[in-house]
């Protein structure tokens, strides 16, 4: 687990913080999702600089997951390392929005 994945898992995604269970390294078809919540059908991806040259792969993967009704939220390592409070607030907002979306 990378340092940024540790931060997200332990400071943002613990069940006592989100009320949802997020699995780490969830395999869906040929893709390994950084974090996944089955109740919300929500994937959280942590991108580092290696993703700069993999945007086509990321786009294809996101489209595949969206076709399974799985929403994808992405954060950059740099955002997590430099502005973790904002990432946590944004993630909590995305979780609430996803809950509303699924329960309308």
PDB file of N, CA and C in Angstrom:
ATOM      1  N   UNK A   1       0.856  -1.171   0.000  1.00  0.00           N
ATOM      2  CA  UNK A   1       0.000   0.000   0.000  1.00  0.00           C
ATOM      3  C   UNK A   1       0.902   1.234   0.000  1.00  0.00           C
ATOM      4  N   UNK A   2       0.571   2.176  -0.867  1.00  0.00           N
ATOM      5  CA  UNK A   2       1.347   3.412  -0.909  1.00  0.00           C
ATOM      6  C   UNK A   2       0.973   4.301   0.275  1.00  0.00           C
ATOM      7  N   UNK A   3       1.778   5.317   0.512  1.00  0.00           N
ATOM      8  CA  UNK A   3       1.493   6.245   1.609  1.00  0.00           C
ATOM      9  C   UNK A   3       0.163   6.965   1.398  1.00  0.00           C
ATOM     10  N   UNK A   4      -0.103   7.372   0.163  1.00  0.00           N
ATOM     11  CA  UNK A   4      -1.367   8.080  -0.095  1.00  0.00           C
ATOM     12  C   UNK A   4      -2.569   7.149   0.053  1.00  0.00           C
ATOM     13  N   UNK A   5      -2.437   5.901  -0.361  1.00  0.00           N
ATOM     14  CA  UNK A   5      -3.521   4.935  -0.153  1.00  0.00           C
ATOM     15  C   UNK A   5      -3.758   4.720   1.340  1.00  0.00           C
ATOM     16  N   UNK A   6      -2.678   4.666   2.109  1.00  0.00           N
ATOM     17  CA  UNK A   6      -2.814   4.514   3.554  1.00  0.00           C
ATOM     18  C   UNK A   6      -3.583   5.694   4.144  1.00  0.00           C
ATOM     19  N   UNK A   7      -3.236   6.906   3.700  1.00  0.00           N
ATOM     20  CA  UNK A   7      -3.918   8.102   4.206  1.00  0.00           C
ATOM     21  C   UNK A   7      -5.403   8.051   3.900  1.00  0.00           C
ATOM     22  N   UNK A   8      -5.754   7.729   2.666  1.00  0.00           N
ATOM     23  CA  UNK A   8      -7.172   7.670   2.287  1.00  0.00           C
ATOM     24  C   UNK A   8      -7.883   6.579   3.083  1.00  0.00           C
ATOM     25  N   UNK A   9      -7.284   5.416   3.166  1.00  0.00           N
ATOM     26  CA  UNK A   9      -7.928   4.302   3.872  1.00  0.00           C
ATOM     27  C   UNK A   9      -8.126   4.612   5.352  1.00  0.00           C
ATOM     28  N   UNK A  10      -7.101   5.114   5.993  1.00  0.00           N
ATOM     29  CA  UNK A  10      -7.152   5.281   7.444  1.00  0.00           C
ATOM     30  C   UNK A  10      -7.690   6.625   7.916  1.00  0.00           C
ATOM     31  N   UNK A  11      -7.616   7.636   7.099  1.00  0.00           N
ATOM     32  CA  UNK A  11      -8.074   8.952   7.523  1.00  0.00           C
ATOM     33  C   UNK A  11      -9.395   9.368   6.883  1.00  0.00           C
ATOM     34  N   UNK A  12      -9.801   8.683   5.820  1.00  0.00           N
ATOM     35  CA  UNK A  12     -11.029   9.096   5.131  1.00  0.00           C
ATOM     36  C   UNK A  12     -12.048   7.982   4.972  1.00  0.00           C
ATOM     37  N   UNK A  13     -11.617   6.745   4.778  1.00  0.00           N
ATOM     38  CA  UNK A  13     -12.551   5.686   4.401  1.00  0.00           C
ATOM     39  C   UNK A  13     -12.907   4.693   5.494  1.00  0.00           C
ATOM     40  N   UNK A  14     -12.413   4.862   6.669  1.00  0.00           N
ATOM     41  CA  UNK A  14     -12.796   3.945   7.748  1.00  0.00           C
ATOM     42  C   UNK A  14     -14.314   3.979   7.921  1.00  0.00           C
ATOM     43  N   UNK A  15     -14.878   2.856   8.254  1.00  0.00           N
ATOM     44  CA  UNK A  15     -16.331   2.749   8.377  1.00  0.00           C
ATOM     45  C   UNK A  15     -16.894   3.744   9.387  1.00  0.00           C
ATOM     46  N   UNK A  16     -16.145   4.040  10.439  1.00  0.00           N
ATOM     47  CA  UNK A  16     -16.643   4.997  11.437  1.00  0.00           C
ATOM     48  C   UNK A  16     -16.658   6.425  10.897  1.00  0.00           C
ATOM     49  N   UNK A  17     -16.009   6.664   9.764  1.00  0.00           N
ATOM     50  CA  UNK A  17     -15.997   8.000   9.156  1.00  0.00           C
ATOM     51  C   UNK A  17     -17.022   8.120   8.016  1.00  0.00           C
ATOM     52  N   UNK A  18     -17.242   7.032   7.278  1.00  0.00           N
ATOM     53  CA  UNK A  18     -18.130   7.082   6.120  1.00  0.00           C
ATOM     54  C   UNK A  18     -19.430   6.315   6.314  1.00  0.00           C
ATOM     55  N   UNK A  19     -19.457   5.396   7.240  1.00  0.00           N
ATOM     56  CA  UNK A  19     -20.576   4.481   7.474  1.00  0.00           C
ATOM     57  C   UNK A  19     -20.712   3.430   6.381  1.00  0.00           C
ATOM     58  N   UNK A  20     -19.686   3.311   5.541  1.00  0.00           N
ATOM     59  CA  UNK A  20     -19.687   2.313   4.479  1.00  0.00           C
ATOM     60  C   UNK A  20     -18.384   1.530   4.513  1.00  0.00           C
ATOM     61  N   UNK A  21     -18.451   0.316   4.007  1.00  0.00           N
ATOM     62  CA  UNK A  21     -17.256  -0.527   3.943  1.00  0.00           C
ATOM     63  C   UNK A  21     -16.630  -0.386   2.556  1.00  0.00           C
ATOM     64  N   UNK A  22     -15.395   0.043   2.524  1.00  0.00           N
ATOM     65  CA  UNK A  22     -14.628   0.144   1.289  1.00  0.00           C
ATOM     66  C   UNK A  22     -13.563  -0.942   1.281  1.00  0.00           C
ATOM     67  N   UNK A  23     -13.583  -1.756   0.241  1.00  0.00           N
ATOM     68  CA  UNK A  23     -12.566  -2.790   0.079  1.00  0.00           C
ATOM     69  C   UNK A  23     -11.387  -2.206  -0.685  1.00  0.00           C
ATOM     70  N   UNK A  24     -10.203  -2.649  -0.334  1.00  0.00           N
ATOM     71  CA  UNK A  24      -8.998  -2.215  -1.028  1.00  0.00           C
ATOM     72  C   UNK A  24      -8.620  -3.273  -2.058  1.00  0.00           C
ATOM     73  N   UNK A  25      -8.147  -2.819  -3.205  1.00  0.00           N
ATOM     74  CA  UNK A  25      -7.679  -3.706  -4.267  1.00  0.00           C
ATOM     75  C   UNK A  25      -8.759  -4.685  -4.715  1.00  0.00           C
ATOM     76  N   UNK A  26      -9.931  -4.162  -5.032  1.00  0.00           N
ATOM     77  CA  UNK A  26     -11.070  -4.986  -5.470  1.00  0.00           C
ATOM     78  C   UNK A  26     -10.930  -5.291  -6.959  1.00  0.00           C
ATOM     79  N   UNK A  27     -10.992  -6.563  -7.307  1.00  0.00           N
ATOM     80  CA  UNK A  27     -10.907  -6.991  -8.695  1.00  0.00           C
ATOM     81  C   UNK A  27     -12.295  -7.008  -9.313  1.00  0.00           C
ATOM     82  N   UNK A  28     -12.453  -6.273 -10.403  1.00  0.00           N
ATOM     83  CA  UNK A  28     -13.679  -6.305 -11.201  1.00  0.00           C
ATOM     84  C   UNK A  28     -13.241  -6.462 -12.646  1.00  0.00           C
ATOM     85  N   UNK A  29     -13.588  -7.598 -13.193  1.00  0.00           N
ATOM     86  CA  UNK A  29     -13.160  -8.047 -14.503  1.00  0.00           C
ATOM     87  C   UNK A  29     -11.643  -8.037 -14.524  1.00  0.00           C
ATOM     88  N   UNK A  30     -10.996  -7.309 -15.434  1.00  0.00           N
ATOM     89  CA  UNK A  30      -9.532  -7.260 -15.492  1.00  0.00           C
ATOM     90  C   UNK A  30      -8.951  -6.074 -14.755  1.00  0.00           C
ATOM     91  N   UNK A  31      -9.769  -5.381 -14.012  1.00  0.00           N
ATOM     92  CA  UNK A  31      -9.328  -4.144 -13.370  1.00  0.00           C
ATOM     93  C   UNK A  31      -9.243  -4.312 -11.860  1.00  0.00           C
ATOM     94  N   UNK A  32      -8.186  -3.765 -11.292  1.00  0.00           N
ATOM     95  CA  UNK A  32      -8.044  -3.731  -9.839  1.00  0.00           C
ATOM     96  C   UNK A  32      -8.344  -2.313  -9.390  1.00  0.00           C
ATOM     97  N   UNK A  33      -9.407  -2.164  -8.604  1.00  0.00           N
ATOM     98  CA  UNK A  33      -9.820  -0.862  -8.117  1.00  0.00           C
ATOM     99  C   UNK A  33      -9.085  -0.569  -6.813  1.00  0.00           C
ATOM    100  N   UNK A  34      -8.612   0.659  -6.651  1.00  0.00           N
ATOM    101  CA  UNK A  34      -7.904   1.010  -5.418  1.00  0.00           C
ATOM    102  C   UNK A  34      -8.808   0.792  -4.207  1.00  0.00           C
ATOM    103  N   UNK A  35     -10.008   1.360  -4.259  1.00  0.00           N
ATOM    104  CA  UNK A  35     -10.992   1.197  -3.184  1.00  0.00           C
ATOM    105  C   UNK A  35     -12.368   1.061  -3.817  1.00  0.00           C
ATOM    106  N   UNK A  36     -13.208   0.197  -3.229  1.00  0.00           N
ATOM    107  CA  UNK A  36     -14.535  -0.033  -3.798  1.00  0.00           C
ATOM    108  C   UNK A  36     -15.553  -0.288  -2.685  1.00  0.00           C
ATOM    109  N   UNK A  37     -16.702   0.373  -2.808  1.00  0.00           N
ATOM    110  CA  UNK A  37     -17.830   0.154  -1.904  1.00  0.00           C
ATOM    111  C   UNK A  37     -18.976  -0.436  -2.726  1.00  0.00           C
ATOM    112  N   UNK A  38     -19.356  -1.668  -2.408  1.00  0.00           N
ATOM    113  CA  UNK A  38     -20.406  -2.337  -3.181  1.00  0.00           C
ATOM    114  C   UNK A  38     -21.782  -1.723  -2.940  1.00  0.00           C
ATOM    115  N   UNK A  39     -22.061  -1.264  -1.716  1.00  0.00           N
ATOM    116  CA  UNK A  39     -23.372  -0.664  -1.436  1.00  0.00           C
ATOM    117  C   UNK A  39     -23.592   0.611  -2.238  1.00  0.00           C
ATOM    118  N   UNK A  40     -22.535   1.373  -2.426  1.00  0.00           N
ATOM    119  CA  UNK A  40     -22.642   2.621  -3.174  1.00  0.00           C
ATOM    120  C   UNK A  40     -22.284   2.459  -4.648  1.00  0.00           C
ATOM    121  N   UNK A  41     -21.726   1.279  -4.990  1.00  0.00           N
ATOM    122  CA  UNK A  41     -21.189   1.077  -6.342  1.00  0.00           C
ATOM    123  C   UNK A  41     -20.275   2.255  -6.685  1.00  0.00           C
ATOM    124  N   UNK A  42     -19.313   2.465  -5.792  1.00  0.00           N
ATOM    125  CA  UNK A  42     -18.408   3.610  -5.882  1.00  0.00           C
ATOM    126  C   UNK A  42     -16.962   3.140  -5.819  1.00  0.00           C
ATOM    127  N   UNK A  43     -16.192   3.572  -6.797  1.00  0.00           N
ATOM    128  CA  UNK A  43     -14.771   3.262  -6.892  1.00  0.00           C
ATOM    129  C   UNK A  43     -13.976   4.540  -6.626  1.00  0.00           C
ATOM    130  N   UNK A  44     -12.933   4.413  -5.823  1.00  0.00           N
ATOM    131  CA  UNK A  44     -12.051   5.549  -5.570  1.00  0.00           C
ATOM    132  C   UNK A  44     -10.665   5.170  -6.061  1.00  0.00           C
ATOM    133  N   UNK A  45     -10.149   5.981  -6.964  1.00  0.00           N
ATOM    134  CA  UNK A  45      -8.840   5.741  -7.553  1.00  0.00           C
ATOM    135  C   UNK A  45      -7.866   6.821  -7.113  1.00  0.00           C
ATOM    136  N   UNK A  46      -6.667   6.393  -6.782  1.00  0.00           N
ATOM    137  CA  UNK A  46      -5.595   7.299  -6.402  1.00  0.00           C
ATOM    138  C   UNK A  46      -4.587   7.296  -7.547  1.00  0.00           C
ATOM    139  N   UNK A  47      -4.433   8.433  -8.205  1.00  0.00           N
ATOM    140  CA  UNK A  47      -3.577   8.527  -9.382  1.00  0.00           C
ATOM    141  C   UNK A  47      -2.263   9.225  -9.048  1.00  0.00           C
ATOM    142  N   UNK A  48      -1.184   8.633  -9.549  1.00  0.00           N
ATOM    143  CA  UNK A  48       0.109   9.285  -9.418  1.00  0.00           C
ATOM    144  C   UNK A  48       0.562   9.749 -10.796  1.00  0.00           C
ATOM    145  N   UNK A  49       1.780  10.198 -10.907  1.00  0.00           N
ATOM    146  CA  UNK A  49       2.256  10.746 -12.179  1.00  0.00           C
ATOM    147  C   UNK A  49       2.306   9.698 -13.287  1.00  0.00           C
ATOM    148  N   UNK A  50       2.336   8.410 -12.949  1.00  0.00           N
ATOM    149  CA  UNK A  50       2.344   7.378 -13.998  1.00  0.00           C
ATOM    150  C   UNK A  50       1.052   7.377 -14.800  1.00  0.00           C
ATOM    151  N   UNK A  51      -0.007   7.939 -14.233  1.00  0.00           N
ATOM    152  CA  UNK A  51      -1.282   7.986 -14.951  1.00  0.00           C
ATOM    153  C   UNK A  51      -1.288   9.048 -16.041  1.00  0.00           C
ATOM    154  N   UNK A  52      -0.291   9.919 -16.077  1.00  0.00           N
ATOM    155  CA  UNK A  52      -0.225  10.951 -17.108  1.00  0.00           C
ATOM    156  C   UNK A  52      -0.187  10.347 -18.502  1.00  0.00           C
ATOM    157  N   UNK A  53       0.496   9.244 -18.639  1.00  0.00           N
ATOM    158  CA  UNK A  53       0.596   8.613 -19.949  1.00  0.00           C
ATOM    159  C   UNK A  53      -0.405   7.472 -20.133  1.00  0.00           C
ATOM    160  N   UNK A  54      -1.243   7.222 -19.148  1.00  0.00           N
ATOM    161  CA  UNK A  54      -2.235   6.141 -19.234  1.00  0.00           C
ATOM    162  C   UNK A  54      -3.661   6.676 -19.292  1.00  0.00           C
ATOM    163  N   UNK A  55      -3.859   7.889 -19.761  1.00  0.00           N
ATOM    164  CA  UNK A  55      -5.207   8.472 -19.744  1.00  0.00           C
ATOM    165  C   UNK A  55      -6.179   7.690 -20.608  1.00  0.00           C
ATOM    166  N   UNK A  56      -5.721   7.123 -21.732  1.00  0.00           N
ATOM    167  CA  UNK A  56      -6.628   6.337 -22.581  1.00  0.00           C
ATOM    168  C   UNK A  56      -7.092   5.075 -21.852  1.00  0.00           C
ATOM    169  N   UNK A  57      -6.159   4.421 -21.173  1.00  0.00           N
ATOM    170  CA  UNK A  57      -6.493   3.234 -20.385  1.00  0.00           C
ATOM    171  C   UNK A  57      -7.474   3.606 -19.272  1.00  0.00           C
ATOM    172  N   UNK A  58      -7.195   4.688 -18.561  1.00  0.00           N
ATOM    173  CA  UNK A  58      -8.076   5.132 -17.481  1.00  0.00           C
ATOM    174  C   UNK A  58      -9.469   5.465 -17.999  1.00  0.00           C
ATOM    175  N   UNK A  59      -9.522   6.103 -19.159  1.00  0.00           N
ATOM    176  CA  UNK A  59     -10.821   6.459 -19.747  1.00  0.00           C
ATOM    177  C   UNK A  59     -11.609   5.205 -20.133  1.00  0.00           C
ATOM    178  N   UNK A  60     -10.949   4.250 -20.751  1.00  0.00           N
ATOM    179  CA  UNK A  60     -11.602   2.993 -21.136  1.00  0.00           C
ATOM    180  C   UNK A  60     -12.106   2.253 -19.886  1.00  0.00           C
ATOM    181  N   UNK A  61     -11.282   2.224 -18.866  1.00  0.00           N
ATOM    182  CA  UNK A  61     -11.633   1.560 -17.622  1.00  0.00           C
ATOM    183  C   UNK A  61     -12.830   2.241 -16.950  1.00  0.00           C
ATOM    184  N   UNK A  62     -12.828   3.561 -16.919  1.00  0.00           N
ATOM    185  CA  UNK A  62     -13.937   4.305 -16.328  1.00  0.00           C
ATOM    186  C   UNK A  62     -15.228   4.044 -17.091  1.00  0.00           C
ATOM    187  N   UNK A  63     -15.167   4.026 -18.407  1.00  0.00           N
ATOM    188  CA  UNK A  63     -16.367   3.738 -19.205  1.00  0.00           C
ATOM    189  C   UNK A  63     -16.897   2.340 -18.910  1.00  0.00           C
ATOM    190  N   UNK A  64     -15.999   1.375 -18.796  1.00  0.00           N
ATOM    191  CA  UNK A  64     -16.423   0.006 -18.478  1.00  0.00           C
ATOM    192  C   UNK A  64     -17.119  -0.030 -17.118  1.00  0.00           C
ATOM    193  N   UNK A  65     -16.522   0.596 -16.118  1.00  0.00           N
ATOM    194  CA  UNK A  65     -17.108   0.605 -14.780  1.00  0.00           C
ATOM    195  C   UNK A  65     -18.435   1.358 -14.766  1.00  0.00           C
ATOM    196  N   UNK A  66     -18.509   2.470 -15.469  1.00  0.00           N
ATOM    197  CA  UNK A  66     -19.764   3.228 -15.544  1.00  0.00           C
ATOM    198  C   UNK A  66     -20.873   2.389 -16.180  1.00  0.00           C
ATOM    199  N   UNK A  67     -20.529   1.544 -17.144  1.00  0.00           N
ATOM    200  CA  UNK A  67     -21.521   0.663 -17.750  1.00  0.00           C
ATOM    201  C   UNK A  67     -22.055  -0.368 -16.759  1.00  0.00           C
ATOM    202  N   UNK A  68     -21.299  -0.615 -15.695  1.00  0.00           N
ATOM    203  CA  UNK A  68     -21.757  -1.498 -14.613  1.00  0.00           C
ATOM    204  C   UNK A  68     -22.416  -0.688 -13.497  1.00  0.00           C
ATOM    205  N   UNK A  69     -22.682   0.565 -13.743  1.00  0.00           N
ATOM    206  CA  UNK A  69     -23.279   1.502 -12.792  1.00  0.00           C
ATOM    207  C   UNK A  69     -22.338   1.814 -11.619  1.00  0.00           C
ATOM    208  N   UNK A  70     -21.058   1.643 -11.848  1.00  0.00           N
ATOM    209  CA  UNK A  70     -20.068   1.966 -10.820  1.00  0.00           C
ATOM    210  C   UNK A  70     -19.526   3.367 -11.112  1.00  0.00           C
ATOM    211  N   UNK A  71     -19.677   4.256 -10.144  1.00  0.00           N
ATOM    212  CA  UNK A  71     -19.137   5.608 -10.274  1.00  0.00           C
ATOM    213  C   UNK A  71     -17.662   5.588  -9.883  1.00  0.00           C
ATOM    214  N   UNK A  72     -16.874   6.413 -10.558  1.00  0.00           N
ATOM    215  CA  UNK A  72     -15.434   6.474 -10.304  1.00  0.00           C
ATOM    216  C   UNK A  72     -15.071   7.880  -9.852  1.00  0.00           C
ATOM    217  N   UNK A  73     -14.372   7.948  -8.727  1.00  0.00           N
ATOM    218  CA  UNK A  73     -13.863   9.217  -8.200  1.00  0.00           C
ATOM    219  C   UNK A  73     -12.350   9.106  -8.183  1.00  0.00           C
ATOM    220  N   UNK A  74     -11.683  10.127  -8.710  1.00  0.00           N
ATOM    221  CA  UNK A  74     -10.218  10.107  -8.786  1.00  0.00           C
ATOM    222  C   UNK A  74      -9.621  11.252  -7.988  1.00  0.00           C
ATOM    223  N   UNK A  75      -8.526  10.932  -7.319  1.00  0.00           N
ATOM    224  CA  UNK A  75      -7.738  11.943  -6.620  1.00  0.00           C
ATOM    225  C   UNK A  75      -6.276  11.752  -6.987  1.00  0.00           C
ATOM    226  N   UNK A  76      -5.570  12.842  -7.089  1.00  0.00           N
ATOM    227  CA  UNK A  76      -4.142  12.791  -7.368  1.00  0.00           C
ATOM    228  C   UNK A  76      -3.360  12.631  -6.073  1.00  0.00           C
ATOM    229  N   UNK A  77      -2.258  11.917  -6.158  1.00  0.00           N
ATOM    230  CA  UNK A  77      -1.365  11.812  -5.001  1.00  0.00           C
ATOM    231  C   UNK A  77      -1.020  13.191  -4.464  1.00  0.00           C
ATOM    232  N   UNK A  78      -0.734  14.112  -5.359  1.00  0.00           N
ATOM    233  CA  UNK A  78      -0.327  15.460  -4.935  1.00  0.00           C
ATOM    234  C   UNK A  78      -1.434  16.148  -4.146  1.00  0.00           C
ATOM    235  N   UNK A  79      -2.703  15.944  -4.526  1.00  0.00           N
ATOM    236  CA  UNK A  79      -3.816  16.527  -3.765  1.00  0.00           C
ATOM    237  C   UNK A  79      -3.905  15.919  -2.371  1.00  0.00           C
ATOM    238  N   UNK A  80      -3.724  14.622  -2.292  1.00  0.00           N
ATOM    239  CA  UNK A  80      -3.802  13.940  -1.000  1.00  0.00           C
ATOM    240  C   UNK A  80      -2.663  14.400  -0.092  1.00  0.00           C
ATOM    241  N   UNK A  81      -1.492  14.541  -0.662  1.00  0.00           N
ATOM    242  CA  UNK A  81      -0.332  14.926   0.140  1.00  0.00           C
ATOM    243  C   UNK A  81      -0.323  16.401   0.531  1.00  0.00           C
ATOM    244  N   UNK A  82      -0.899  17.253  -0.309  1.00  0.00           N
ATOM    245  CA  UNK A  82      -0.817  18.686  -0.017  1.00  0.00           C
ATOM    246  C   UNK A  82      -2.112  19.278   0.519  1.00  0.00           C
ATOM    247  N   UNK A  83      -3.238  18.597   0.296  1.00  0.00           N
ATOM    248  CA  UNK A  83      -4.520  19.169   0.697  1.00  0.00           C
ATOM    249  C   UNK A  83      -5.484  18.071   1.143  1.00  0.00           C
ATOM    250  N   UNK A  84      -5.061  17.266   2.081  1.00  0.00           N
ATOM    251  CA  UNK A  84      -5.845  16.118   2.525  1.00  0.00           C
ATOM    252  C   UNK A  84      -7.204  16.523   3.090  1.00  0.00           C
ATOM    253  N   UNK A  85      -7.275  17.632   3.802  1.00  0.00           N
ATOM    254  CA  UNK A  85      -8.566  18.072   4.366  1.00  0.00           C
ATOM    255  C   UNK A  85      -9.592  18.295   3.258  1.00  0.00           C
ATOM    256  N   UNK A  86      -9.166  18.941   2.167  1.00  0.00           N
ATOM    257  CA  UNK A  86     -10.076  19.168   1.036  1.00  0.00           C
ATOM    258  C   UNK A  86     -10.509  17.833   0.430  1.00  0.00           C
ATOM    259  N   UNK A  87      -9.571  16.903   0.260  1.00  0.00           N
ATOM    260  CA  UNK A  87      -9.890  15.593  -0.319  1.00  0.00           C
ATOM    261  C   UNK A  87     -10.936  14.886   0.537  1.00  0.00           C
ATOM    262  N   UNK A  88     -10.765  14.913   1.849  1.00  0.00           N
ATOM    263  CA  UNK A  88     -11.721  14.257   2.752  1.00  0.00           C
ATOM    264  C   UNK A  88     -13.097  14.907   2.646  1.00  0.00           C
ATOM    265  N   UNK A  89     -13.146  16.232   2.618  1.00  0.00           N
ATOM    266  CA  UNK A  89     -14.430  16.923   2.463  1.00  0.00           C
ATOM    267  C   UNK A  89     -15.083  16.591   1.127  1.00  0.00           C
ATOM    268  N   UNK A  90     -14.288  16.617   0.075  1.00  0.00           N
ATOM    269  CA  UNK A  90     -14.807  16.314  -1.257  1.00  0.00           C
ATOM    270  C   UNK A  90     -15.300  14.873  -1.326  1.00  0.00           C
ATOM    271  N   UNK A  91     -14.546  13.961  -0.779  1.00  0.00           N
ATOM    272  CA  UNK A  91     -14.938  12.558  -0.785  1.00  0.00           C
ATOM    273  C   UNK A  91     -16.229  12.337  -0.010  1.00  0.00           C
ATOM    274  N   UNK A  92     -16.356  12.958   1.138  1.00  0.00           N
ATOM    275  CA  UNK A  92     -17.610  12.837   1.902  1.00  0.00           C
ATOM    276  C   UNK A  92     -18.795  13.377   1.113  1.00  0.00           C
ATOM    277  N   UNK A  93     -18.595  14.470   0.394  1.00  0.00           N
ATOM    278  CA  UNK A  93     -19.653  15.027  -0.444  1.00  0.00           C
ATOM    279  C   UNK A  93     -20.017  14.060  -1.575  1.00  0.00           C
ATOM    280  N   UNK A  94     -19.014  13.453  -2.193  1.00  0.00           N
ATOM    281  CA  UNK A  94     -19.263  12.504  -3.292  1.00  0.00           C
ATOM    282  C   UNK A  94     -20.001  11.264  -2.770  1.00  0.00           C
ATOM    283  N   UNK A  95     -19.669  10.827  -1.574  1.00  0.00           N
ATOM    284  CA  UNK A  95     -20.368   9.680  -0.972  1.00  0.00           C
ATOM    285  C   UNK A  95     -21.837  10.031  -0.742  1.00  0.00           C
ATOM    286  N   UNK A  96     -22.111  11.213  -0.198  1.00  0.00           N
ATOM    287  CA  UNK A  96     -23.504  11.640   0.013  1.00  0.00           C
ATOM    288  C   UNK A  96     -24.257  11.740  -1.306  1.00  0.00           C
ATOM    289  N   UNK A  97     -23.621  12.328  -2.314  1.00  0.00           N
ATOM    290  CA  UNK A  97     -24.260  12.463  -3.626  1.00  0.00           C
ATOM    291  C   UNK A  97     -24.563  11.097  -4.230  1.00  0.00           C
ATOM    292  N   UNK A  98     -23.634  10.174  -4.072  1.00  0.00           N
ATOM    293  CA  UNK A  98     -23.841   8.837  -4.626  1.00  0.00           C
ATOM    294  C   UNK A  98     -24.991   8.122  -3.907  1.00  0.00           C
ATOM    295  N   UNK A  99     -25.074   8.263  -2.605  1.00  0.00           N
ATOM    296  CA  UNK A  99     -26.164   7.670  -1.847  1.00  0.00           C
ATOM    297  C   UNK A  99     -27.509   8.210  -2.355  1.00  0.00           C
ATOM    298  N   UNK A 100     -27.592   9.518  -2.510  1.00  0.00           N
ATOM    299  CA  UNK A 100     -28.820  10.144  -3.012  1.00  0.00           C
ATOM    300  C   UNK A 100     -29.147   9.654  -4.400  1.00  0.00           C
ATOM    301  N   UNK A 101     -28.144   9.601  -5.263  1.00  0.00           N
ATOM    302  CA  UNK A 101     -28.337   9.136  -6.646  1.00  0.00           C
ATOM    303  C   UNK A 101     -28.907   7.736  -6.687  1.00  0.00           C
ATOM    304  N   UNK A 102     -28.421   6.858  -5.851  1.00  0.00           N
ATOM    305  CA  UNK A 102     -28.871   5.459  -5.864  1.00  0.00           C
ATOM    306  C   UNK A 102     -30.233   5.274  -5.194  1.00  0.00           C
ATOM    307  N   UNK A 103     -30.634   6.218  -4.378  1.00  0.00           N
ATOM    308  CA  UNK A 103     -31.881   6.049  -3.621  1.00  0.00           C
ATOM    309  C   UNK A 103     -33.007   6.975  -4.065  1.00  0.00           C
ATOM    310  N   UNK A 104     -32.871   7.562  -5.214  1.00  0.00           N
ATOM    311  CA  UNK A 104     -33.951   8.412  -5.733  1.00  0.00           C
ATOM    312  C   UNK A 104     -35.000   7.579  -6.433  1.00  0.00           C
TER     313      UNK A 104
END
